[in-house]
């Protein structure tokens, strides 16, 4: 219900498989946090050698984020769409260290 199209960042095809991010055969739980919607091609691709998917989402109010690493080492993130009606927090500037300000959401 959370994902509207394939979660692979460059794809956006219709979802055909509801899959474990950490595979069941690798000890991944069947849960909302460990699930994502993928098209058939992307679901098969993620099982190929060298592809790694890692859940970065830990708390219910955090955006559901998945880190995807390709066989060449390129890393990208797949963030689920915000739920309907969610108002994102206003960005603010935070002093991270002396003289170093960071914009947060």
N, C-alpha and C. Protein backbone atom coordinates (compact mmCIF):
# COMPACT_ATOMS: atom_id res chain seq x y z
N UNK A 1 0.81 -1.21 0.00
CA UNK A 1 0.00 0.00 0.00
C UNK A 1 0.85 1.26 0.00
N UNK A 2 2.06 1.17 0.56
CA UNK A 2 2.91 2.36 0.70
C UNK A 2 3.52 2.77 -0.64
N UNK A 3 4.00 1.79 -1.41
CA UNK A 3 4.70 2.08 -2.65
C UNK A 3 3.73 2.14 -3.81
N UNK A 4 3.88 3.14 -4.65
CA UNK A 4 2.94 3.34 -5.76
C UNK A 4 3.46 2.76 -7.07
N UNK A 5 4.79 2.81 -7.24
CA UNK A 5 5.44 2.25 -8.42
C UNK A 5 6.71 1.54 -7.95
N UNK A 6 7.39 0.87 -8.86
CA UNK A 6 8.62 0.16 -8.53
C UNK A 6 9.57 1.10 -7.79
N UNK A 7 10.15 0.60 -6.70
CA UNK A 7 11.00 1.42 -5.85
C UNK A 7 12.41 1.59 -6.39
N UNK A 8 12.79 0.89 -7.45
CA UNK A 8 14.11 1.11 -8.03
C UNK A 8 14.11 2.53 -8.61
N UNK A 9 15.08 3.38 -8.19
CA UNK A 9 15.03 4.81 -8.53
C UNK A 9 14.82 5.15 -10.00
N UNK A 10 15.37 4.40 -10.93
CA UNK A 10 15.27 4.77 -12.34
C UNK A 10 14.10 4.10 -13.06
N UNK A 11 13.27 3.34 -12.35
CA UNK A 11 12.30 2.49 -13.02
C UNK A 11 10.88 3.08 -13.10
N UNK A 12 10.18 3.14 -11.99
CA UNK A 12 8.79 3.64 -11.92
C UNK A 12 7.77 2.79 -12.70
N UNK A 13 8.10 1.52 -12.97
CA UNK A 13 7.14 0.61 -13.61
C UNK A 13 6.08 0.18 -12.58
N UNK A 14 4.97 -0.38 -13.04
CA UNK A 14 3.96 -0.88 -12.09
C UNK A 14 4.54 -1.98 -11.20
N UNK A 15 4.12 -2.01 -9.95
CA UNK A 15 4.57 -3.03 -9.01
C UNK A 15 3.96 -4.37 -9.40
N UNK A 16 4.79 -5.39 -9.48
CA UNK A 16 4.35 -6.76 -9.76
C UNK A 16 4.70 -7.70 -8.61
N UNK A 17 5.75 -7.34 -7.83
CA UNK A 17 6.18 -8.20 -6.72
C UNK A 17 6.29 -7.38 -5.44
N UNK A 18 5.78 -7.93 -4.36
CA UNK A 18 5.98 -7.36 -3.02
C UNK A 18 7.07 -8.21 -2.40
N UNK A 19 8.23 -7.63 -2.17
CA UNK A 19 9.40 -8.43 -1.87
C UNK A 19 10.09 -8.00 -0.59
N UNK A 20 10.89 -8.92 -0.04
CA UNK A 20 11.75 -8.64 1.10
C UNK A 20 12.96 -7.84 0.62
N UNK A 21 13.33 -6.80 1.36
CA UNK A 21 14.54 -6.06 1.02
C UNK A 21 15.75 -6.92 1.39
N UNK A 22 15.82 -7.36 2.66
CA UNK A 22 16.77 -8.40 3.05
C UNK A 22 16.04 -9.71 2.81
N UNK A 23 16.51 -10.54 1.87
CA UNK A 23 15.78 -11.74 1.48
C UNK A 23 15.47 -12.68 2.65
N UNK A 24 14.39 -13.38 2.51
CA UNK A 24 13.98 -14.37 3.50
C UNK A 24 15.07 -15.41 3.70
N UNK A 25 15.71 -15.85 2.60
CA UNK A 25 16.77 -16.86 2.71
C UNK A 25 18.01 -16.34 3.41
N UNK A 26 18.12 -15.01 3.58
CA UNK A 26 19.24 -14.40 4.32
C UNK A 26 18.82 -13.96 5.72
N UNK A 27 17.62 -14.39 6.14
CA UNK A 27 17.15 -14.07 7.49
C UNK A 27 16.32 -12.82 7.60
N UNK A 28 15.93 -12.23 6.46
CA UNK A 28 15.12 -11.02 6.49
C UNK A 28 13.70 -11.31 6.96
N UNK A 29 13.17 -10.49 7.88
CA UNK A 29 11.83 -10.73 8.38
C UNK A 29 10.76 -10.32 7.37
N UNK A 30 9.60 -10.92 7.49
CA UNK A 30 8.44 -10.48 6.71
C UNK A 30 7.78 -9.38 7.52
N UNK A 31 7.99 -8.14 7.09
CA UNK A 31 7.48 -6.97 7.83
C UNK A 31 7.33 -5.79 6.89
N UNK A 32 6.61 -4.80 7.34
CA UNK A 32 6.45 -3.57 6.56
C UNK A 32 7.79 -2.90 6.33
N UNK A 33 8.62 -2.87 7.37
CA UNK A 33 9.92 -2.22 7.27
C UNK A 33 10.82 -2.93 6.26
N UNK A 34 10.75 -4.26 6.18
CA UNK A 34 11.61 -5.02 5.29
C UNK A 34 10.95 -5.30 3.93
N UNK A 35 9.87 -4.64 3.63
CA UNK A 35 9.18 -4.87 2.37
C UNK A 35 9.29 -3.70 1.41
N UNK A 36 9.19 -4.01 0.13
CA UNK A 36 9.13 -2.96 -0.89
C UNK A 36 8.45 -3.52 -2.12
N UNK A 37 7.84 -2.63 -2.88
CA UNK A 37 7.21 -3.01 -4.13
C UNK A 37 8.19 -2.85 -5.28
N UNK A 38 8.32 -3.88 -6.10
CA UNK A 38 9.22 -3.84 -7.25
C UNK A 38 8.51 -4.38 -8.48
N UNK A 39 8.95 -3.96 -9.65
CA UNK A 39 8.47 -4.59 -10.88
C UNK A 39 9.17 -5.94 -10.99
N UNK A 40 8.70 -6.80 -11.87
CA UNK A 40 9.27 -8.15 -12.01
C UNK A 40 10.76 -8.10 -12.38
N UNK A 41 11.13 -7.22 -13.31
CA UNK A 41 12.53 -7.16 -13.76
C UNK A 41 13.46 -6.71 -12.64
N UNK A 42 13.09 -5.68 -11.91
CA UNK A 42 13.94 -5.18 -10.82
C UNK A 42 14.03 -6.18 -9.68
N UNK A 43 12.95 -6.91 -9.42
CA UNK A 43 12.98 -7.92 -8.38
C UNK A 43 13.95 -9.04 -8.75
N UNK A 44 13.98 -9.44 -10.01
CA UNK A 44 14.93 -10.47 -10.44
C UNK A 44 16.36 -9.93 -10.42
N UNK A 45 16.54 -8.68 -10.84
CA UNK A 45 17.87 -8.06 -10.88
C UNK A 45 18.50 -8.01 -9.50
N UNK A 46 17.71 -7.68 -8.46
CA UNK A 46 18.28 -7.54 -7.12
C UNK A 46 18.82 -8.84 -6.57
N UNK A 47 18.42 -9.97 -7.15
CA UNK A 47 18.92 -11.28 -6.71
C UNK A 47 20.21 -11.68 -7.42
N UNK A 48 20.63 -10.89 -8.41
CA UNK A 48 21.87 -11.20 -9.14
C UNK A 48 23.08 -10.90 -8.25
N UNK A 49 24.20 -11.61 -8.47
CA UNK A 49 25.41 -11.37 -7.67
C UNK A 49 25.86 -9.91 -7.74
N UNK A 50 26.26 -9.39 -6.60
CA UNK A 50 26.80 -8.04 -6.52
C UNK A 50 25.80 -6.96 -6.16
N UNK A 51 24.51 -7.25 -6.26
CA UNK A 51 23.50 -6.28 -5.88
C UNK A 51 23.18 -6.41 -4.40
N UNK A 52 23.12 -5.27 -3.70
CA UNK A 52 22.82 -5.28 -2.27
C UNK A 52 21.77 -4.22 -1.96
N UNK A 53 20.75 -4.62 -1.23
CA UNK A 53 19.70 -3.71 -0.77
C UNK A 53 19.72 -3.71 0.75
N UNK A 54 19.65 -2.52 1.36
CA UNK A 54 19.74 -2.41 2.81
C UNK A 54 18.67 -1.43 3.30
N UNK A 55 17.92 -1.83 4.31
CA UNK A 55 16.89 -0.97 4.89
C UNK A 55 17.57 0.08 5.77
N UNK A 56 17.25 1.34 5.55
CA UNK A 56 17.75 2.42 6.41
C UNK A 56 16.65 2.94 7.33
N UNK A 57 15.44 2.47 7.11
CA UNK A 57 14.27 2.88 7.89
C UNK A 57 14.24 2.09 9.20
N UNK A 58 14.13 2.77 10.33
CA UNK A 58 14.12 2.06 11.60
C UNK A 58 12.91 2.39 12.48
N UNK A 59 12.33 3.57 12.32
CA UNK A 59 11.24 3.99 13.18
C UNK A 59 10.01 4.30 12.34
N UNK A 60 8.83 4.07 12.90
CA UNK A 60 7.59 4.24 12.16
C UNK A 60 7.41 5.63 11.56
N UNK A 61 7.92 6.66 12.21
CA UNK A 61 7.73 8.02 11.69
C UNK A 61 8.83 8.45 10.73
N UNK A 62 9.87 7.63 10.57
CA UNK A 62 10.92 7.93 9.59
C UNK A 62 10.42 7.59 8.19
N UNK A 63 10.89 8.31 7.18
CA UNK A 63 10.56 7.90 5.81
C UNK A 63 11.18 6.53 5.54
N UNK A 64 10.50 5.69 4.78
CA UNK A 64 11.03 4.37 4.45
C UNK A 64 12.08 4.54 3.38
N UNK A 65 13.33 4.24 3.72
CA UNK A 65 14.46 4.48 2.83
C UNK A 65 15.26 3.19 2.65
N UNK A 66 15.62 2.89 1.41
CA UNK A 66 16.40 1.71 1.09
C UNK A 66 17.66 2.15 0.35
N UNK A 67 18.80 1.63 0.78
CA UNK A 67 20.07 1.89 0.11
C UNK A 67 20.32 0.75 -0.86
N UNK A 68 20.56 1.08 -2.13
CA UNK A 68 20.79 0.09 -3.18
C UNK A 68 22.22 0.27 -3.69
N UNK A 69 22.99 -0.83 -3.67
CA UNK A 69 24.36 -0.80 -4.17
C UNK A 69 24.47 -1.77 -5.34
N UNK A 70 25.01 -1.27 -6.46
CA UNK A 70 25.15 -2.08 -7.67
C UNK A 70 26.46 -2.86 -7.62
N UNK A 71 26.64 -3.81 -8.53
CA UNK A 71 27.91 -4.56 -8.57
C UNK A 71 29.13 -3.68 -8.80
N UNK A 72 28.96 -2.51 -9.39
CA UNK A 72 30.09 -1.61 -9.62
C UNK A 72 30.38 -0.72 -8.42
N UNK A 73 29.57 -0.84 -7.35
CA UNK A 73 29.78 -0.05 -6.14
C UNK A 73 29.00 1.25 -6.08
N UNK A 74 28.23 1.56 -7.13
CA UNK A 74 27.43 2.77 -7.12
C UNK A 74 26.28 2.59 -6.13
N UNK A 75 26.08 3.59 -5.26
CA UNK A 75 25.02 3.53 -4.25
C UNK A 75 24.00 4.61 -4.52
N UNK A 76 22.74 4.23 -4.38
CA UNK A 76 21.63 5.17 -4.53
C UNK A 76 20.60 4.85 -3.46
N UNK A 77 19.68 5.77 -3.26
CA UNK A 77 18.65 5.58 -2.24
C UNK A 77 17.27 5.58 -2.88
N UNK A 78 16.40 4.78 -2.31
CA UNK A 78 15.01 4.70 -2.74
C UNK A 78 14.14 5.05 -1.55
N UNK A 79 13.51 6.22 -1.59
CA UNK A 79 12.66 6.68 -0.49
C UNK A 79 11.21 6.53 -0.90
N UNK A 80 10.42 5.95 -0.02
CA UNK A 80 8.99 5.78 -0.28
C UNK A 80 8.31 7.14 -0.35
N UNK A 81 7.22 7.24 -1.10
CA UNK A 81 6.48 8.50 -1.13
C UNK A 81 5.88 8.80 0.24
N UNK A 82 5.72 10.06 0.53
CA UNK A 82 5.09 10.46 1.79
C UNK A 82 3.63 10.01 1.79
N UNK A 83 3.11 9.64 2.96
CA UNK A 83 1.70 9.27 3.03
C UNK A 83 0.82 10.47 2.67
N UNK A 84 -0.38 10.22 2.15
CA UNK A 84 -1.28 11.33 1.82
C UNK A 84 -1.56 12.19 3.05
N UNK A 85 -1.50 13.47 2.85
CA UNK A 85 -1.82 14.40 3.94
C UNK A 85 -0.68 14.72 4.87
N UNK A 86 0.49 14.06 4.69
CA UNK A 86 1.63 14.34 5.56
C UNK A 86 2.21 15.70 5.21
N UNK A 87 2.39 16.52 6.19
CA UNK A 87 3.00 17.84 5.98
C UNK A 87 4.45 17.72 6.42
N UNK A 88 5.39 17.84 5.48
CA UNK A 88 6.80 17.70 5.85
C UNK A 88 7.23 18.84 6.78
N UNK A 89 8.20 18.57 7.66
CA UNK A 89 8.67 19.61 8.56
C UNK A 89 9.38 20.72 7.79
N UNK A 90 9.32 21.92 8.35
CA UNK A 90 10.00 23.06 7.73
C UNK A 90 11.51 22.86 7.84
N UNK A 91 12.26 23.14 6.77
CA UNK A 91 13.72 23.05 6.88
C UNK A 91 14.24 24.12 7.84
N UNK A 92 15.27 23.76 8.60
CA UNK A 92 15.88 24.71 9.52
C UNK A 92 17.40 24.57 9.43
N UNK A 93 18.09 25.64 9.78
CA UNK A 93 19.55 25.61 9.81
C UNK A 93 20.00 25.20 11.20
N UNK A 94 20.93 24.25 11.28
CA UNK A 94 21.45 23.76 12.56
C UNK A 94 22.96 23.91 12.54
N UNK A 95 23.50 24.41 13.67
CA UNK A 95 24.95 24.54 13.79
C UNK A 95 25.53 23.17 14.13
N UNK A 96 26.19 22.52 13.16
CA UNK A 96 26.73 21.18 13.35
C UNK A 96 28.07 21.21 14.08
N UNK A 97 28.89 22.17 13.75
CA UNK A 97 30.18 22.39 14.41
C UNK A 97 30.52 23.86 14.22
N UNK A 98 31.48 24.39 14.98
CA UNK A 98 31.78 25.82 14.85
C UNK A 98 31.99 26.24 13.39
N UNK A 99 31.15 27.16 12.94
CA UNK A 99 31.25 27.68 11.59
C UNK A 99 30.65 26.79 10.51
N UNK A 100 30.03 25.66 10.88
CA UNK A 100 29.50 24.74 9.89
C UNK A 100 27.99 24.56 10.13
N UNK A 101 27.20 25.22 9.28
CA UNK A 101 25.73 25.14 9.39
C UNK A 101 25.22 24.12 8.40
N UNK A 102 24.18 23.37 8.79
CA UNK A 102 23.59 22.34 7.94
C UNK A 102 22.10 22.57 7.87
N UNK A 103 21.54 22.49 6.64
CA UNK A 103 20.10 22.62 6.44
C UNK A 103 19.46 21.27 6.67
N UNK A 104 18.50 21.21 7.61
CA UNK A 104 17.81 19.95 7.91
C UNK A 104 16.34 20.09 7.54
N UNK A 105 15.70 18.96 7.36
CA UNK A 105 14.27 18.96 7.03
C UNK A 105 13.47 18.66 8.27
